[in-house]
Amino acid sequence: MSTIKLLVNDEYYTPGYVWQDIQKFIPRNKTIWEPFNTVLDKNSMKSSKHLKMLGFDVIVKPYDPITKKNDFFTTNHGDIVCSNPPFAFKREVLIRLKELEKPFILILPHSTMNTQYFRDMFLKDKDFGIIIPKKRIDFLNKKTESSSCFDCLYYCWRVGVRGINWVS
């Protein structure tokens, strides 16, 4: 798959509490790849910084849209992916991670579960689990510099999370 151009209004930054709330579910003995950073905006690195502050080993290789260096669809780093990918490309991201057999914890809209492609990929997969956050996640929107709440879940595959788990 070729590089996917990010949409202007599809960059929402993940607040630190989002990773703090689920840190007990993130494997400590794995190197995390947080692939959805860009050299164009230092705010895109905040999620990686939050994970590092929690004591995780994180690989940060920001994407450069000019040189195409560190494109998610052509590179592969770390043991697992913990990220909030661009929602507009969630299908492509899930397909890529399954192709790589890369374990993940992804923040995605609740409605993702209702798509046919998602059901085809995970319906009978025993290594799949969901973590339900305490509340709607309040993301910071790059374009408007305001926050935006979305009904999201943590979608987990091959990280030891199975079934439905609640953040307490």
C-alpha atoms as a PDB file:
ATOM      1  CA  MET A   1       0.000   0.000   0.000  1.00  0.00           C
ATOM      2  CA  SER A   2       1.271   3.446  -0.778  1.00  0.00           C
ATOM      3  CA  THR A   3       1.614   6.296   1.648  1.00  0.00           C
ATOM      4  CA  ILE A   4      -1.691   7.718   2.807  1.00  0.00           C
ATOM      5  CA  LYS A   5      -1.926  11.474   3.013  1.00  0.00           C
ATOM      6  CA  LEU A   6      -3.265  12.655   6.353  1.00  0.00           C
ATOM      7  CA  LEU A   7      -6.437  14.681   6.219  1.00  0.00           C
ATOM      8  CA  VAL A   8      -6.160  18.233   7.462  1.00  0.00           C
ATOM      9  CA  ASN A   9      -8.714  17.719  10.221  1.00  0.00           C
ATOM     10  CA  ASP A  10      -7.871  14.136  11.197  1.00  0.00           C
ATOM     11  CA  GLU A  11      -5.150  14.928  13.705  1.00  0.00           C
ATOM     12  CA  TYR A  12      -6.335  14.640  17.264  1.00  0.00           C
ATOM     13  CA  TYR A  13      -3.786  14.433  20.041  1.00  0.00           C
ATOM     14  CA  THR A  14      -4.066  11.909  22.824  1.00  0.00           C
ATOM     15  CA  PRO A  15      -3.995  13.254  26.379  1.00  0.00           C
ATOM     16  CA  GLY A  16      -1.672  11.541  28.847  1.00  0.00           C
ATOM     17  CA  TYR A  17      -4.413  10.191  31.100  1.00  0.00           C
ATOM     18  CA  VAL A  18      -5.539   7.928  28.253  1.00  0.00           C
ATOM     19  CA  TRP A  19      -2.371   5.822  28.515  1.00  0.00           C
ATOM     20  CA  GLN A  20      -2.119   6.213  32.275  1.00  0.00           C
ATOM     21  CA  ASP A  21      -5.615   4.737  32.667  1.00  0.00           C
ATOM     22  CA  ILE A  22      -4.632   1.522  30.882  1.00  0.00           C
ATOM     23  CA  GLN A  23      -0.953   1.171  31.746  1.00  0.00           C
ATOM     24  CA  LYS A  24      -1.643  -2.096  33.596  1.00  0.00           C
ATOM     25  CA  PHE A  25      -2.809  -3.611  30.281  1.00  0.00           C
ATOM     26  CA  ILE A  26       0.285  -2.553  28.293  1.00  0.00           C
ATOM     27  CA  PRO A  27       3.023  -5.211  28.313  1.00  0.00           C
ATOM     28  CA  ARG A  28       6.080  -3.861  30.162  1.00  0.00           C
ATOM     29  CA  ASN A  29       8.523  -6.258  28.522  1.00  0.00           C
ATOM     30  CA  LYS A  30       7.832  -5.050  24.963  1.00  0.00           C
ATOM     31  CA  THR A  31       9.134  -2.129  22.944  1.00  0.00           C
ATOM     32  CA  ILE A  32       6.286   0.113  21.826  1.00  0.00           C
ATOM     33  CA  TRP A  33       6.176   1.601  18.347  1.00  0.00           C
ATOM     34  CA  GLU A  34       4.017   4.734  18.215  1.00  0.00           C
ATOM     35  CA  PRO A  35       4.000   5.231  14.429  1.00  0.00           C
ATOM     36  CA  PHE A  36       1.610   8.122  13.968  1.00  0.00           C
ATOM     37  CA  ASN A  37       3.964  11.004  14.697  1.00  0.00           C
ATOM     38  CA  THR A  38       4.990  13.555  12.104  1.00  0.00           C
ATOM     39  CA  VAL A  39       7.972  15.863  11.730  1.00  0.00           C
ATOM     40  CA  LEU A  40       5.510  18.618  10.779  1.00  0.00           C
ATOM     41  CA  ASP A  41       4.059  18.994  14.264  1.00  0.00           C
ATOM     42  CA  LYS A  42       5.831  18.440  17.578  1.00  0.00           C
ATOM     43  CA  ASN A  43       2.435  17.999  19.285  1.00  0.00           C
ATOM     44  CA  SER A  44       2.069  14.688  17.461  1.00  0.00           C
ATOM     45  CA  MET A  45       4.874  13.362  19.697  1.00  0.00           C
ATOM     46  CA  LYS A  46       2.914  13.890  22.925  1.00  0.00           C
ATOM     47  CA  SER A  47       1.492  10.373  22.991  1.00  0.00           C
ATOM     48  CA  SER A  48       4.985   8.877  22.738  1.00  0.00           C
ATOM     49  CA  LYS A  49       6.199  11.187  25.503  1.00  0.00           C
ATOM     50  CA  HIS A  50       3.335  10.163  27.777  1.00  0.00           C
ATOM     51  CA  LEU A  51       4.130   6.481  27.254  1.00  0.00           C
ATOM     52  CA  LYS A  52       7.812   7.133  28.011  1.00  0.00           C
ATOM     53  CA  MET A  53       6.898   9.062  31.183  1.00  0.00           C
ATOM     54  CA  LEU A  54       4.990   5.962  32.313  1.00  0.00           C
ATOM     55  CA  GLY A  55       8.223   3.981  31.994  1.00  0.00           C
ATOM     56  CA  PHE A  56       7.652   2.226  28.672  1.00  0.00           C
ATOM     57  CA  ASP A  57      10.351   1.686  26.060  1.00  0.00           C
ATOM     58  CA  VAL A  58       9.049   3.631  23.035  1.00  0.00           C
ATOM     59  CA  ILE A  59      10.429   3.902  19.514  1.00  0.00           C
ATOM     60  CA  VAL A  60       9.763   7.322  18.028  1.00  0.00           C
ATOM     61  CA  LYS A  61      10.419   7.628  14.311  1.00  0.00           C
ATOM     62  CA  PRO A  62       8.266  10.499  13.042  1.00  0.00           C
ATOM     63  CA  TYR A  63       6.905  10.376   9.534  1.00  0.00           C
ATOM     64  CA  ASP A  64       8.254  12.912   7.039  1.00  0.00           C
ATOM     65  CA  PRO A  65       5.649  13.511   4.300  1.00  0.00           C
ATOM     66  CA  ILE A  66       8.227  15.170   2.054  1.00  0.00           C
ATOM     67  CA  THR A  67      10.811  12.368   2.015  1.00  0.00           C
ATOM     68  CA  LYS A  68       8.287   9.627   2.901  1.00  0.00           C
ATOM     69  CA  LYS A  69      10.759   8.454   5.553  1.00  0.00           C
ATOM     70  CA  ASN A  70       9.222   6.355   8.359  1.00  0.00           C
ATOM     71  CA  ASP A  71       5.945   5.763   6.540  1.00  0.00           C
ATOM     72  CA  PHE A  72       3.823   3.376   8.644  1.00  0.00           C
ATOM     73  CA  PHE A  73       2.877   1.368   5.567  1.00  0.00           C
ATOM     74  CA  THR A  74       6.468   0.617   4.556  1.00  0.00           C
ATOM     75  CA  THR A  75       8.281   0.329   7.890  1.00  0.00           C
ATOM     76  CA  ASN A  76       8.071  -1.933  10.910  1.00  0.00           C
ATOM     77  CA  HIS A  77       9.524  -1.180  14.337  1.00  0.00           C
ATOM     78  CA  GLY A  78       9.135  -2.397  17.903  1.00  0.00           C
ATOM     79  CA  ASP A  79       7.248  -5.313  19.388  1.00  0.00           C
ATOM     80  CA  ILE A  80       3.788  -3.766  19.749  1.00  0.00           C
ATOM     81  CA  VAL A  81       1.895  -0.683  18.597  1.00  0.00           C
ATOM     82  CA  CYS A  82       0.114   1.557  21.115  1.00  0.00           C
ATOM     83  CA  SER A  83      -1.444   4.457  19.302  1.00  0.00           C
ATOM     84  CA  ASN A  84      -4.325   6.666  18.341  1.00  0.00           C
ATOM     85  CA  PRO A  85      -4.187   6.287  14.534  1.00  0.00           C
ATOM     86  CA  PRO A  86      -5.917   8.617  12.093  1.00  0.00           C
ATOM     87  CA  PHE A  87      -9.539   7.466  12.185  1.00  0.00           C
ATOM     88  CA  ALA A  88      -9.963   8.060   8.455  1.00  0.00           C
ATOM     89  CA  PHE A  89      -7.491   5.222   7.810  1.00  0.00           C
ATOM     90  CA  LYS A  90      -8.399   2.806  10.587  1.00  0.00           C
ATOM     91  CA  ARG A  91      -9.208  -0.011   8.158  1.00  0.00           C
ATOM     92  CA  GLU A  92      -5.862   0.289   6.381  1.00  0.00           C
ATOM     93  CA  VAL A  93      -4.023   0.487   9.713  1.00  0.00           C
ATOM     94  CA  LEU A  94      -5.743  -2.653  11.020  1.00  0.00           C
ATOM     95  CA  ILE A  95      -5.014  -4.533   7.798  1.00  0.00           C
ATOM     96  CA  ARG A  96      -1.343  -3.517   7.950  1.00  0.00           C
ATOM     97  CA  LEU A  97      -0.968  -4.558  11.592  1.00  0.00           C
ATOM     98  CA  LYS A  98      -2.570  -7.934  10.909  1.00  0.00           C
ATOM     99  CA  GLU A  99      -0.283  -8.430   7.888  1.00  0.00           C
ATOM    100  CA  LEU A 100       2.727  -7.691  10.097  1.00  0.00           C
ATOM    101  CA  GLU A 101       1.265  -9.875  12.865  1.00  0.00           C
ATOM    102  CA  LYS A 102       2.029  -6.885  15.079  1.00  0.00           C
ATOM    103  CA  PRO A 103       0.275  -6.897  18.477  1.00  0.00           C
ATOM    104  CA  PHE A 104      -1.509  -3.636  19.214  1.00  0.00           C
ATOM    105  CA  ILE A 105      -3.568  -1.429  21.467  1.00  0.00           C
ATOM    106  CA  LEU A 106      -5.341   1.134  19.292  1.00  0.00           C
ATOM    107  CA  ILE A 107      -7.746   3.878  20.261  1.00  0.00           C
ATOM    108  CA  LEU A 108     -10.562   3.755  17.726  1.00  0.00           C
ATOM    109  CA  PRO A 109     -14.192   4.846  17.538  1.00  0.00           C
ATOM    110  CA  HIS A 110     -16.741   2.572  19.152  1.00  0.00           C
ATOM    111  CA  SER A 111     -18.480   2.211  15.769  1.00  0.00           C
ATOM    112  CA  THR A 112     -15.456   0.405  14.329  1.00  0.00           C
ATOM    113  CA  MET A 113     -16.842  -2.822  15.807  1.00  0.00           C
ATOM    114  CA  ASN A 114     -19.908  -2.540  13.589  1.00  0.00           C
ATOM    115  CA  THR A 115     -18.038  -2.539  10.297  1.00  0.00           C
ATOM    116  CA  GLN A 116     -17.970  -5.640   8.129  1.00  0.00           C
ATOM    117  CA  TYR A 117     -14.203  -5.505   7.627  1.00  0.00           C
ATOM    118  CA  PHE A 118     -13.667  -5.447  11.385  1.00  0.00           C
ATOM    119  CA  ARG A 119     -16.008  -8.376  11.947  1.00  0.00           C
ATOM    120  CA  ASP A 120     -14.227 -10.315   9.191  1.00  0.00           C
ATOM    121  CA  MET A 121     -10.857  -9.652  10.813  1.00  0.00           C
ATOM    122  CA  PHE A 122     -11.640 -10.266  14.494  1.00  0.00           C
ATOM    123  CA  LEU A 123     -14.999 -11.978  15.043  1.00  0.00           C
ATOM    124  CA  LYS A 124     -13.499 -15.360  15.932  1.00  0.00           C
ATOM    125  CA  ASP A 125     -10.065 -14.204  17.038  1.00  0.00           C
ATOM    126  CA  LYS A 126      -9.355 -15.393  20.577  1.00  0.00           C
ATOM    127  CA  ASP A 127      -6.425 -12.952  20.893  1.00  0.00           C
ATOM    128  CA  PHE A 128      -8.694  -9.913  20.604  1.00  0.00           C
ATOM    129  CA  GLY A 129     -10.015  -7.824  23.484  1.00  0.00           C
ATOM    130  CA  ILE A 130     -11.579  -4.490  24.295  1.00  0.00           C
ATOM    131  CA  ILE A 131     -10.832  -2.026  27.062  1.00  0.00           C
ATOM    132  CA  ILE A 132     -13.641   0.397  27.833  1.00  0.00           C
ATOM    133  CA  PRO A 133     -12.471   3.796  29.126  1.00  0.00           C
ATOM    134  CA  LYS A 134     -13.978   5.517  32.171  1.00  0.00           C
ATOM    135  CA  LYS A 135     -15.392   8.292  30.031  1.00  0.00           C
ATOM    136  CA  ARG A 136     -15.315   9.704  26.521  1.00  0.00           C
ATOM    137  CA  ILE A 137     -11.779  10.572  25.484  1.00  0.00           C
ATOM    138  CA  ASP A 138     -11.234  14.302  25.179  1.00  0.00           C
ATOM    139  CA  PHE A 139      -8.773  14.774  22.301  1.00  0.00           C
ATOM    140  CA  LEU A 140      -7.086  18.021  21.314  1.00  0.00           C
ATOM    141  CA  ASN A 141      -7.823  18.976  17.720  1.00  0.00           C
ATOM    142  CA  LYS A 142      -4.857  20.395  15.811  1.00  0.00           C
ATOM    143  CA  LYS A 143      -6.925  22.547  13.485  1.00  0.00           C
ATOM    144  CA  THR A 144      -9.230  24.223  15.985  1.00  0.00           C
ATOM    145  CA  GLU A 145      -7.032  24.014  19.109  1.00  0.00           C
ATOM    146  CA  SER A 146     -10.095  22.886  21.013  1.00  0.00           C
ATOM    147  CA  SER A 147     -10.994  19.553  22.448  1.00  0.00           C
ATOM    148  CA  SER A 148     -13.237  16.995  20.833  1.00  0.00           C
ATOM    149  CA  CYS A 149     -14.803  14.049  22.612  1.00  0.00           C
ATOM    150  CA  PHE A 150     -15.354  10.786  20.798  1.00  0.00           C
ATOM    151  CA  ASP A 151     -16.887   7.513  21.891  1.00  0.00           C
ATOM    152  CA  CYS A 152     -13.764   5.390  21.632  1.00  0.00           C
ATOM    153  CA  LEU A 153     -12.526   2.056  22.888  1.00  0.00           C
ATOM    154  CA  TYR A 154      -9.085   0.514  23.204  1.00  0.00           C
ATOM    155  CA  TYR A 155      -8.908  -2.300  20.652  1.00  0.00           C
ATOM    156  CA  CYS A 156      -6.332  -4.896  21.699  1.00  0.00           C
ATOM    157  CA  TRP A 157      -4.839  -7.769  19.762  1.00  0.00           C
ATOM    158  CA  ARG A 158      -2.217 -10.230  20.955  1.00  0.00           C
ATOM    159  CA  VAL A 159      -1.227  -8.187  24.016  1.00  0.00           C
ATOM    160  CA  GLY A 160      -2.849 -10.473  26.578  1.00  0.00           C
ATOM    161  CA  VAL A 161      -6.129  -8.552  26.750  1.00  0.00           C
ATOM    162  CA  ARG A 162      -9.126 -10.760  25.996  1.00  0.00           C
ATOM    163  CA  GLY A 163     -12.829 -10.159  26.262  1.00  0.00           C
ATOM    164  CA  ILE A 164     -14.233  -6.931  27.648  1.00  0.00           C
ATOM    165  CA  ASN A 165     -12.230  -5.031  30.270  1.00  0.00           C
ATOM    166  CA  TRP A 166     -13.298  -1.888  32.087  1.00  0.00           C
ATOM    167  CA  VAL A 167     -11.027   0.906  33.254  1.00  0.00           C
ATOM    168  CA  SER A 168     -11.852   1.410  36.923  1.00  0.00           C
END
